[in-house]
C-alpha atoms as a PDB file:
ATOM      1  CA  MET A   1     144.155 137.047  97.447  1.00  0.00           C
ATOM      2  CA  SER A   2     141.120 138.235  99.824  1.00  0.00           C
ATOM      3  CA  ALA A   3     139.861 136.299 102.733  1.00  0.00           C
ATOM      4  CA  ARG A   4     136.980 135.112 101.146  1.00  0.00           C
ATOM      5  CA  ASP A   5     138.937 133.783  98.338  1.00  0.00           C
ATOM      6  CA  GLN A   6     140.900 131.581 100.826  1.00  0.00           C
ATOM      7  CA  LEU A   7     137.335 130.165 102.452  1.00  0.00           C
ATOM      8  CA  GLU A   8     135.390 129.604  99.464  1.00  0.00           C
ATOM      9  CA  ASN A   9     135.991 126.409  97.170  1.00  0.00           C
ATOM     10  CA  TYR A  10     134.694 128.227  94.319  1.00  0.00           C
ATOM     11  CA  PRO A  11     133.706 131.809  93.600  1.00  0.00           C
ATOM     12  CA  GLY A  12     129.680 132.493  95.168  1.00  0.00           C
ATOM     13  CA  GLU A  13     129.976 129.774  97.731  1.00  0.00           C
ATOM     14  CA  LEU A  14     129.476 131.525 100.496  1.00  0.00           C
ATOM     15  CA  ALA A  15     126.567 133.578  99.348  1.00  0.00           C
ATOM     16  CA  MET A  16     124.743 130.212  98.147  1.00  0.00           C
ATOM     17  CA  LEU A  17     125.128 128.924 101.458  1.00  0.00           C
ATOM     18  CA  ARG A  18     123.443 132.333 102.773  1.00  0.00           C
ATOM     19  CA  GLY A  19     120.713 131.868 100.558  1.00  0.00           C
ATOM     20  CA  VAL A  20     119.968 128.066 100.976  1.00  0.00           C
ATOM     21  CA  LEU A  21     120.047 128.513 104.590  1.00  0.00           C
ATOM     22  CA  GLY A  22     117.234 131.485 104.043  1.00  0.00           C
ATOM     23  CA  VAL A  23     115.456 128.970 101.988  1.00  0.00           C
ATOM     24  CA  VAL A  24     115.534 126.296 104.889  1.00  0.00           C
ATOM     25  CA  ARG A  25     114.565 128.448 107.718  1.00  0.00           C
ATOM     26  CA  THR A  26     111.502 129.546 105.721  1.00  0.00           C
ATOM     27  CA  ILE A  27     110.825 126.419 105.038  1.00  0.00           C
ATOM     28  CA  ALA A  28     111.137 125.381 108.507  1.00  0.00           C
ATOM     29  CA  GLN A  29     108.627 127.692 109.683  1.00  0.00           C
ATOM     30  CA  HIS A  30     106.034 127.317 107.022  1.00  0.00           C
ATOM     31  CA  GLY A  31     106.934 124.496 104.822  1.00  0.00           C
ATOM     32  CA  ASP A  32     107.196 120.627 104.503  1.00  0.00           C
ATOM     33  CA  LEU A  33     109.881 117.897 104.392  1.00  0.00           C
ATOM     34  CA  THR A  34     108.973 117.122 100.539  1.00  0.00           C
ATOM     35  CA  GLU A  35     110.036 120.749  99.678  1.00  0.00           C
ATOM     36  CA  LEU A  36     112.854 120.821 102.300  1.00  0.00           C
ATOM     37  CA  ARG A  37     114.195 117.696 100.099  1.00  0.00           C
ATOM     38  CA  ARG A  38     114.242 119.512  96.647  1.00  0.00           C
ATOM     39  CA  ILE A  39     115.892 122.606  98.054  1.00  0.00           C
ATOM     40  CA  ILE A  40     118.549 120.516  99.293  1.00  0.00           C
ATOM     41  CA  ALA A  41     118.851 118.376  95.976  1.00  0.00           C
ATOM     42  CA  GLU A  42     118.556 121.635  94.028  1.00  0.00           C
ATOM     43  CA  HIS A  43     121.881 123.274  96.512  1.00  0.00           C
ATOM     44  CA  TYR A  44     123.407 119.681  95.401  1.00  0.00           C
ATOM     45  CA  ALA A  45     123.127 119.932  91.661  1.00  0.00           C
ATOM     46  CA  ASP A  46     124.131 123.613  91.358  1.00  0.00           C
ATOM     47  CA  GLU A  47     126.826 123.156  94.058  1.00  0.00           C
ATOM     48  CA  ARG A  48     128.141 120.420  91.969  1.00  0.00           C
ATOM     49  CA  ALA A  49     128.200 122.491  88.301  1.00  0.00           C
ATOM     50  CA  ALA A  50     130.083 125.311  90.754  1.00  0.00           C
ATOM     51  CA  TYR A  51     132.869 122.735  91.515  1.00  0.00           C
ATOM     52  CA  GLU A  52     133.038 121.726  88.419  1.00  0.00           C
ATOM     53  CA  GLN A  53     133.516 125.071  86.655  1.00  0.00           C
ATOM     54  CA  ALA A  54     136.089 125.944  89.251  1.00  0.00           C
ATOM     55  CA  GLY A  55     137.949 122.902  88.161  1.00  0.00           C
ATOM     56  CA  ARG A  56     137.537 120.982  91.791  1.00  0.00           C
ATOM     57  CA  ARG A  57     136.163 117.873  92.712  1.00  0.00           C
ATOM     58  CA  THR A  58     132.655 117.988  93.973  1.00  0.00           C
ATOM     59  CA  VAL A  59     131.894 118.041  97.391  1.00  0.00           C
ATOM     60  CA  ARG A  60     131.288 114.322  97.387  1.00  0.00           C
ATOM     61  CA  ASP A  61     135.084 113.712  96.268  1.00  0.00           C
ATOM     62  CA  VAL A  62     136.443 115.962  98.902  1.00  0.00           C
END
Protein backbone atom coordinates (compact mmCIF):
# COMPACT_ATOMS: atom_id res chain seq x y z
CA MET A 1 0.00 0.00 0.00
CA SER A 2 1.49 3.34 -1.03
CA ALA A 3 1.52 6.49 1.07
CA ARG A 4 -1.06 7.98 -1.30
CA ASP A 5 -3.40 5.03 -0.71
CA GLN A 6 -3.13 5.63 3.02
CA LEU A 7 -4.04 9.32 2.62
CA GLU A 8 -6.92 8.95 0.19
CA ASN A 9 -10.41 7.96 1.29
CA TYR A 10 -11.14 6.79 -2.26
CA PRO A 11 -8.94 6.35 -5.35
CA GLY A 12 -8.19 9.68 -7.01
CA GLU A 13 -9.24 11.87 -4.08
CA LEU A 14 -6.08 13.98 -4.08
CA ALA A 15 -6.22 14.53 -7.84
CA MET A 16 -9.87 15.56 -7.56
CA LEU A 17 -9.09 18.04 -4.79
CA ARG A 18 -6.20 19.52 -6.78
CA GLY A 19 -8.50 19.99 -9.76
CA VAL A 20 -11.19 21.67 -7.67
CA LEU A 21 -8.62 23.95 -6.07
CA GLY A 22 -7.37 25.04 -9.50
CA VAL A 23 -10.91 25.91 -10.57
CA VAL A 24 -11.57 27.76 -7.29
CA ARG A 25 -8.43 29.84 -7.80
CA THR A 26 -9.54 30.79 -11.31
CA ILE A 27 -13.04 31.67 -10.14
CA ALA A 28 -11.64 33.72 -7.26
CA GLN A 29 -9.65 35.80 -9.74
CA HIS A 30 -12.12 36.03 -12.62
CA GLY A 31 -15.46 34.51 -11.70
CA ASP A 32 -18.36 35.13 -9.38
CA LEU A 33 -19.92 33.61 -6.31
CA THR A 34 -22.64 31.82 -8.28
CA GLU A 35 -20.04 29.95 -10.32
CA LEU A 36 -18.13 29.06 -7.14
CA ARG A 37 -21.29 27.63 -5.58
CA ARG A 38 -21.92 25.56 -8.72
CA ILE A 39 -18.39 24.14 -8.69
CA ILE A 40 -18.59 23.26 -5.00
CA ALA A 41 -21.96 21.52 -5.49
CA GLU A 42 -20.55 19.60 -8.46
CA HIS A 43 -17.51 18.54 -6.43
CA TYR A 44 -19.71 17.40 -3.55
CA ALA A 45 -21.77 15.23 -5.91
CA ASP A 46 -18.63 13.77 -7.50
CA GLU A 47 -17.12 13.09 -4.09
CA ARG A 48 -20.25 11.35 -2.81
CA ALA A 49 -20.27 9.13 -5.89
CA ALA A 50 -16.59 8.29 -5.38
CA TYR A 51 -17.16 7.37 -1.72
CA GLU A 52 -20.08 5.15 -2.69
CA GLN A 53 -18.10 3.48 -5.47
CA ALA A 54 -15.27 2.81 -3.02
CA GLY A 55 -17.77 1.24 -0.61
CA ARG A 56 -17.19 3.85 2.06
CA ARG A 57 -19.38 6.21 3.94
CA THR A 58 -19.87 9.63 2.40
CA VAL A 59 -17.92 12.63 3.58
CA ARG A 60 -20.95 13.82 5.57
CA ASP A 61 -21.05 10.49 7.43
CA VAL A 62 -17.39 10.59 8.49
